[in-house]
Amino acid sequence: MPPLTSDPSTDVCPPYGDEEYEDIREALIVRHNGNPPMTTEEAVGKLQAAWQKTHEKKITQWNQQLDEERQRQADEAQRTEEEAERRRVQLEKENEEKRKEIERKKPKINTFDPHRTIGSFIVPRPSAFALNKLDSLDYVELDYFTTRGCKNAHAEHELSTNHNTYGLTSLGDSLALQPLSSLRPSKGVRRDEDLSWDEMVIAKNNMLHFMSVSTLWPSAHMECIAKFYYALETHPIRQTTHGNRIVTAYGGRARRQWFDALKRNDGFNLAKIDPDLMKSIADEIKDTIRDEELTAVSPKHIYLG
């Protein structure tokens, strides 16, 4: 019997004695064998008895459905409660592990090699903000790693009074104190595509150096970025008019997009230069330069004398 969709306990037996059921009664009487013949009252009684039997089966089925639904809901509630308890226990365990890890961390300083000298060259150091971005495996503008950016960072560090002042920052699910200088971006930082070609080359080398010093960057990601800039340096479009500006714009936009895609867990191979995107950027740059040249030569005033 198919599942019931409504409570049958409210159903009422049809009035089999009424005129509208005369055909059913007569058919039942005609099929009756034996003496004496079946009366109308007996036919009505049989119809009522048959309906009552079916009605009782429906009530039994309905009650069984209710019991099964209650059991299903109880089982579901129990599973939900057990899952919530499991998650609570897991969360408590993770929080306890984090607490112990924080407690284990204490200020320390590494040893040094008494026979090793500083070396003949010191790589220009970018701002604390840029280094903090690198350590966070996050995007940071190349301008921080240019010669100008490193000089500005040095000047700001020498003149600033906030490099010994600390502020709160989030590290994963916890908070930590960090120097304010590592949390504040520099003023007037330029977009990658606004750098000159020479500035981009110097900056990317400096950035790759500090990425390796960080020790937090996966080797595959550093290698991908290095190959990316090598592909830009050797790209044939550089030999065309405005080629360096085109490649610099491609580099800035593609690296920004790469970091955005990594955050969405939709990463791609940055080192593979897309020819369609390069052409699109080239067309845009050429149009921009043409507009700039037209604006430069167009007379601002017309003298009608």
Protein backbone atom coordinates (compact mmCIF):
# COMPACT_ATOMS: atom_id res chain seq x y z
CA MET A 1 0.00 0.00 0.00
CA PRO A 2 1.49 3.43 -0.92
CA PRO A 3 2.35 5.83 1.92
CA LEU A 4 -0.54 7.85 3.29
CA THR A 5 -0.40 11.60 3.01
CA SER A 6 -3.14 12.47 5.52
CA ASP A 7 -4.53 11.18 8.82
CA PRO A 8 -7.32 8.63 8.04
CA SER A 9 -8.76 8.75 11.58
CA THR A 10 -11.01 11.62 10.59
CA ASP A 11 -12.48 9.76 7.61
CA VAL A 12 -16.23 8.96 7.81
CA CYS A 13 -17.91 5.87 6.40
CA PRO A 14 -19.90 6.68 3.24
CA PRO A 15 -23.71 6.54 3.59
CA TYR A 16 -24.15 3.26 1.71
CA GLY A 17 -27.91 3.31 2.45
CA ASP A 18 -28.41 6.45 0.37
CA GLU A 19 -29.81 6.44 -3.14
CA GLU A 20 -26.46 7.28 -4.75
CA TYR A 21 -25.07 3.88 -3.65
CA GLU A 22 -28.13 1.89 -4.94
CA ASP A 23 -26.17 0.42 -7.90
CA ILE A 24 -23.44 -0.87 -5.58
CA ARG A 25 -26.01 -2.40 -3.22
CA GLU A 26 -27.93 -4.07 -6.07
CA ALA A 27 -24.73 -5.50 -7.56
CA LEU A 28 -23.84 -6.99 -4.19
CA ILE A 29 -27.32 -8.47 -3.78
CA VAL A 30 -27.27 -10.02 -7.28
CA ARG A 31 -23.90 -11.69 -6.63
CA HIS A 32 -25.20 -13.23 -3.41
CA ASN A 33 -25.88 -17.00 -3.62
CA GLY A 34 -28.17 -18.90 -1.27
CA ASN A 35 -31.43 -18.52 0.49
CA PRO A 36 -32.89 -16.41 1.76
CA PRO A 37 -31.84 -13.61 -0.68
CA MET A 38 -29.65 -10.78 0.71
CA THR A 39 -31.65 -7.82 1.90
CA THR A 40 -30.77 -4.19 1.30
CA GLU A 41 -29.94 -3.78 4.97
CA GLU A 42 -27.52 -6.73 4.78
CA ALA A 43 -25.87 -5.26 1.68
CA VAL A 44 -25.41 -1.95 3.48
CA GLY A 45 -23.93 -3.80 6.46
CA LYS A 46 -21.43 -5.67 4.25
CA LEU A 47 -20.33 -2.47 2.55
CA GLN A 48 -19.90 -0.75 5.91
CA ALA A 49 -17.95 -3.74 7.27
CA ALA A 50 -15.62 -3.73 4.23
CA TRP A 51 -15.04 0.01 4.57
CA GLN A 52 -14.36 -0.35 8.29
CA LYS A 53 -11.80 -3.07 7.67
CA THR A 54 -9.97 -0.93 5.12
CA HIS A 55 -10.25 2.07 7.45
CA GLU A 56 -8.64 0.17 10.31
CA LYS A 57 -5.76 -0.91 8.03
CA LYS A 58 -5.19 2.70 7.05
CA ILE A 59 -5.14 3.81 10.68
CA THR A 60 -2.62 1.07 11.48
CA GLN A 61 -0.48 2.11 8.51
CA TRP A 62 -0.72 5.78 9.50
CA ASN A 63 0.37 5.04 13.05
CA GLN A 64 3.30 3.01 11.72
CA GLN A 65 4.29 5.92 9.49
CA LEU A 66 4.15 8.27 12.49
CA ASP A 67 6.31 5.90 14.53
CA GLU A 68 8.83 5.59 11.72
CA GLU A 69 8.98 9.37 11.26
CA ARG A 70 9.44 9.92 15.00
CA GLN A 71 12.23 7.33 15.01
CA ARG A 72 13.85 8.96 11.98
CA GLN A 73 13.74 12.36 13.65
CA ALA A 74 15.13 10.90 16.87
CA ASP A 75 17.96 9.21 14.97
CA GLU A 76 18.71 12.44 13.10
CA ALA A 77 18.70 14.43 16.33
CA GLN A 78 21.07 11.91 17.90
CA ARG A 79 23.42 12.08 14.92
CA THR A 80 23.36 15.89 15.05
CA GLU A 81 24.06 15.85 18.77
CA GLU A 82 26.90 13.35 18.36
CA GLU A 83 28.42 15.41 15.53
CA ALA A 84 28.18 18.59 17.61
CA GLU A 85 29.85 16.84 20.51
CA ARG A 86 32.58 15.51 18.23
CA ARG A 87 33.23 18.99 16.86
CA ARG A 88 33.24 20.48 20.37
CA VAL A 89 35.80 17.93 21.53
CA GLN A 90 37.90 18.50 18.40
CA LEU A 91 37.75 22.27 18.85
CA GLU A 92 38.76 21.99 22.49
CA LYS A 93 41.66 19.76 21.47
CA GLU A 94 42.82 22.19 18.78
CA ASN A 95 42.52 25.17 21.12
CA GLU A 96 44.50 23.35 23.76
CA GLU A 97 47.20 22.47 21.25
CA LYS A 98 47.38 26.10 20.11
CA ARG A 99 47.58 27.30 23.69
CA LYS A 100 50.42 24.89 24.42
CA GLU A 101 52.20 25.94 21.23
CA ILE A 102 51.97 29.61 22.21
CA GLU A 103 53.25 28.80 25.67
CA ARG A 104 56.19 26.90 24.22
CA LYS A 105 57.24 29.89 22.12
CA LYS A 106 59.76 31.97 23.92
CA PRO A 107 62.13 34.67 22.72
CA LYS A 108 65.37 33.14 21.48
CA ILE A 109 68.38 34.06 19.41
CA ASN A 110 70.38 31.87 17.07
CA THR A 111 74.07 31.17 17.39
CA PHE A 112 76.66 32.71 15.05
CA ASP A 113 79.80 31.55 13.24
CA PRO A 114 82.80 33.32 14.84
CA HIS A 115 84.87 32.80 11.65
CA ARG A 116 82.35 34.21 9.20
CA THR A 117 82.39 37.86 8.05
CA ILE A 118 79.48 40.02 6.97
CA GLY A 119 80.42 39.92 3.28
CA SER A 120 81.23 42.63 0.75
CA PHE A 121 77.65 43.51 -0.24
CA ILE A 122 74.41 44.12 1.65
CA VAL A 123 71.20 43.70 -0.33
CA PRO A 124 69.08 46.89 -0.04
CA ARG A 125 66.40 46.23 2.55
CA PRO A 126 62.74 47.04 1.84
CA SER A 127 60.29 48.27 4.44
CA ALA A 128 59.11 46.12 7.34
CA PHE A 129 55.64 46.24 5.77
CA ALA A 130 56.92 44.62 2.56
CA LEU A 131 58.84 41.94 4.45
CA ASN A 132 55.80 41.22 6.59
CA LYS A 133 53.75 40.78 3.41
CA LEU A 134 56.33 38.30 2.09
CA ASP A 135 56.34 36.35 5.34
CA SER A 136 52.54 36.21 5.11
CA LEU A 137 52.87 34.72 1.59
CA ASP A 138 50.83 37.64 0.35
CA TYR A 139 51.00 40.02 -2.58
CA VAL A 140 53.17 43.11 -2.24
CA GLU A 141 53.99 45.78 -4.82
CA LEU A 142 57.42 45.61 -6.48
CA ASP A 143 57.95 49.31 -5.74
CA TYR A 144 58.91 48.38 -2.18
CA PHE A 145 61.94 46.52 -3.61
CA THR A 146 63.15 49.20 -6.02
CA THR A 147 66.19 51.30 -5.17
CA ARG A 148 63.88 54.21 -4.39
CA GLY A 149 61.60 52.04 -2.25
CA CYS A 150 64.50 50.65 -0.19
CA LYS A 151 65.98 54.13 0.31
CA ASN A 152 62.63 55.44 1.48
CA ALA A 153 62.28 52.47 3.84
CA HIS A 154 65.73 53.18 5.29
CA ALA A 155 64.91 56.86 5.76
CA GLU A 156 61.55 56.09 7.35
CA HIS A 157 63.16 53.60 9.71
CA GLU A 158 65.82 56.08 10.77
CA LEU A 159 63.34 58.90 11.30
CA SER A 160 60.31 57.00 12.52
CA THR A 161 59.49 56.62 16.19
CA ASN A 162 56.97 53.80 15.69
CA HIS A 163 59.32 50.91 14.90
CA ASN A 164 59.41 50.17 18.61
CA THR A 165 55.65 50.61 18.92
CA TYR A 166 53.53 47.51 18.60
CA GLY A 167 50.02 46.83 17.38
CA LEU A 168 47.72 43.82 17.23
CA THR A 169 47.48 41.78 14.06
CA SER A 170 45.77 38.48 13.26
CA LEU A 171 47.86 35.41 12.56
CA GLY A 172 45.46 32.69 11.49
CA ASP A 173 42.97 32.32 14.32
CA SER A 174 45.04 34.16 16.91
CA LEU A 175 46.28 37.67 17.58
CA ALA A 176 49.89 38.73 17.83
CA LEU A 177 51.85 41.88 18.54
CA GLN A 178 53.89 43.29 15.67
CA PRO A 179 55.72 46.58 15.13
CA LEU A 180 53.43 49.21 13.65
CA SER A 181 56.00 49.79 10.91
CA SER A 182 55.30 46.28 9.60
CA LEU A 183 51.56 46.92 9.43
CA ARG A 184 51.49 50.27 7.65
CA PRO A 185 51.99 50.54 3.88
CA SER A 186 54.31 53.22 2.55
CA LYS A 187 52.85 56.42 1.16
CA GLY A 188 52.92 56.92 -2.59
CA VAL A 189 53.76 53.33 -3.48
CA ARG A 190 53.47 52.77 -7.25
CA ARG A 191 51.77 50.00 -9.15
CA ASP A 192 54.04 47.44 -10.79
CA GLU A 193 53.01 48.55 -14.27
CA ASP A 194 53.98 52.13 -13.45
CA LEU A 195 57.62 51.17 -12.86
CA SER A 196 60.25 51.49 -15.54
CA TRP A 197 61.70 48.33 -17.04
CA ASP A 198 64.99 48.77 -15.19
CA GLU A 199 63.18 49.37 -11.91
CA MET A 200 61.15 46.19 -12.39
CA VAL A 201 64.27 44.10 -13.05
CA ILE A 202 66.04 45.40 -9.94
CA ALA A 203 62.93 45.07 -7.80
CA LYS A 204 62.06 41.51 -8.82
CA ASN A 205 65.65 40.37 -8.08
CA ASN A 206 65.51 42.01 -4.68
CA MET A 207 62.08 40.51 -3.97
CA LEU A 208 63.19 37.00 -4.95
CA HIS A 209 66.18 37.37 -2.61
CA PHE A 210 64.01 38.22 0.38
CA MET A 211 61.50 35.50 -0.53
CA SER A 212 64.32 32.95 -0.26
CA VAL A 213 65.58 34.53 2.98
CA SER A 214 62.08 34.23 4.43
CA THR A 215 62.26 30.38 4.20
CA LEU A 216 58.45 30.39 4.28
CA TRP A 217 57.90 30.37 0.54
CA PRO A 218 57.47 26.97 -1.17
CA SER A 219 60.26 26.38 -3.67
CA ALA A 220 57.71 25.70 -6.45
CA HIS A 221 56.15 29.15 -6.02
CA MET A 222 59.50 30.96 -5.97
CA GLU A 223 60.63 29.03 -9.03
CA CYS A 224 57.40 29.92 -10.82
CA ILE A 225 57.88 33.64 -10.13
CA ALA A 226 61.54 33.49 -11.23
CA LYS A 227 60.58 31.73 -14.47
CA PHE A 228 57.81 34.27 -14.98
CA TYR A 229 60.20 37.21 -14.96
CA TYR A 230 62.71 35.33 -17.11
CA ALA A 231 59.93 34.72 -19.65
CA LEU A 232 59.15 38.45 -19.62
CA GLU A 233 62.82 39.41 -20.03
CA THR A 234 63.22 37.13 -23.04
CA HIS A 235 59.82 37.79 -24.63
CA PRO A 236 60.15 38.90 -28.29
CA ILE A 237 57.67 41.73 -27.85
CA ARG A 238 60.39 43.60 -25.95
CA GLN A 239 62.10 44.19 -29.28
CA THR A 240 59.09 46.14 -30.54
CA THR A 241 58.25 49.79 -29.97
CA HIS A 242 57.15 50.33 -26.36
CA GLY A 243 57.92 46.65 -25.72
CA ASN A 244 59.35 47.23 -22.23
CA ARG A 245 56.26 49.18 -21.16
CA ILE A 246 54.00 46.46 -22.50
CA VAL A 247 55.88 43.67 -20.73
CA THR A 248 56.03 45.67 -17.48
CA ALA A 249 52.25 46.15 -17.59
CA TYR A 250 51.72 42.45 -18.28
CA GLY A 251 54.02 41.55 -15.37
CA GLY A 252 52.22 43.78 -12.91
CA ARG A 253 48.71 42.67 -13.83
CA ALA A 254 49.50 38.96 -14.16
CA ARG A 255 51.30 38.71 -10.81
CA ARG A 256 48.42 40.51 -9.07
CA GLN A 257 45.95 38.09 -10.67
CA TRP A 258 48.11 35.11 -9.68
CA PHE A 259 47.93 36.01 -6.00
CA ASP A 260 44.17 36.60 -6.21
CA ALA A 261 43.72 33.19 -7.86
CA LEU A 262 45.83 31.46 -5.19
CA LYS A 263 43.57 32.87 -2.48
CA ARG A 264 40.56 31.38 -4.30
CA ASN A 265 42.40 28.04 -4.58
CA ASP A 266 42.27 28.51 -8.34
CA GLY A 267 45.99 28.89 -9.02
CA PHE A 268 47.54 28.79 -12.48
CA ASN A 269 51.07 28.64 -13.90
CA LEU A 270 52.21 32.26 -13.88
CA ALA A 271 55.31 31.44 -15.92
CA LYS A 272 53.22 30.52 -18.98
CA ILE A 273 52.81 33.79 -20.85
CA ASP A 274 49.38 34.04 -22.44
CA PRO A 275 49.75 35.43 -25.99
CA ASP A 276 46.18 36.73 -26.17
CA LEU A 277 46.52 38.65 -22.91
CA MET A 278 49.91 40.02 -24.01
CA LYS A 279 48.39 41.22 -27.30
CA SER A 280 45.43 42.78 -25.51
CA ILE A 281 47.72 44.69 -23.16
CA ALA A 282 49.97 45.68 -26.06
CA ASP A 283 47.02 47.13 -27.96
CA GLU A 284 45.89 49.00 -24.87
CA ILE A 285 49.35 50.46 -24.22
CA LYS A 286 49.75 51.53 -27.84
CA ASP A 287 46.33 53.21 -27.80
CA THR A 288 47.22 55.01 -24.57
CA ILE A 289 50.55 56.22 -25.94
CA ARG A 290 48.91 57.38 -29.17
CA ASP A 291 46.32 59.34 -27.17
CA GLU A 292 49.09 60.86 -25.05
CA GLU A 293 51.01 61.93 -28.15
CA LEU A 294 47.90 63.42 -29.76
CA THR A 295 47.11 65.33 -26.60
CA ALA A 296 50.69 66.64 -26.44
CA VAL A 297 50.66 68.04 -29.98
CA SER A 298 47.07 69.29 -30.10
CA PRO A 299 46.81 73.14 -29.83
CA LYS A 300 45.06 74.23 -26.67
CA HIS A 301 43.90 77.50 -28.20
CA ILE A 302 42.98 78.49 -31.72
CA TYR A 303 43.66 82.13 -32.62
CA LEU A 304 41.19 83.44 -35.18
CA GLY A 305 42.99 86.80 -35.48
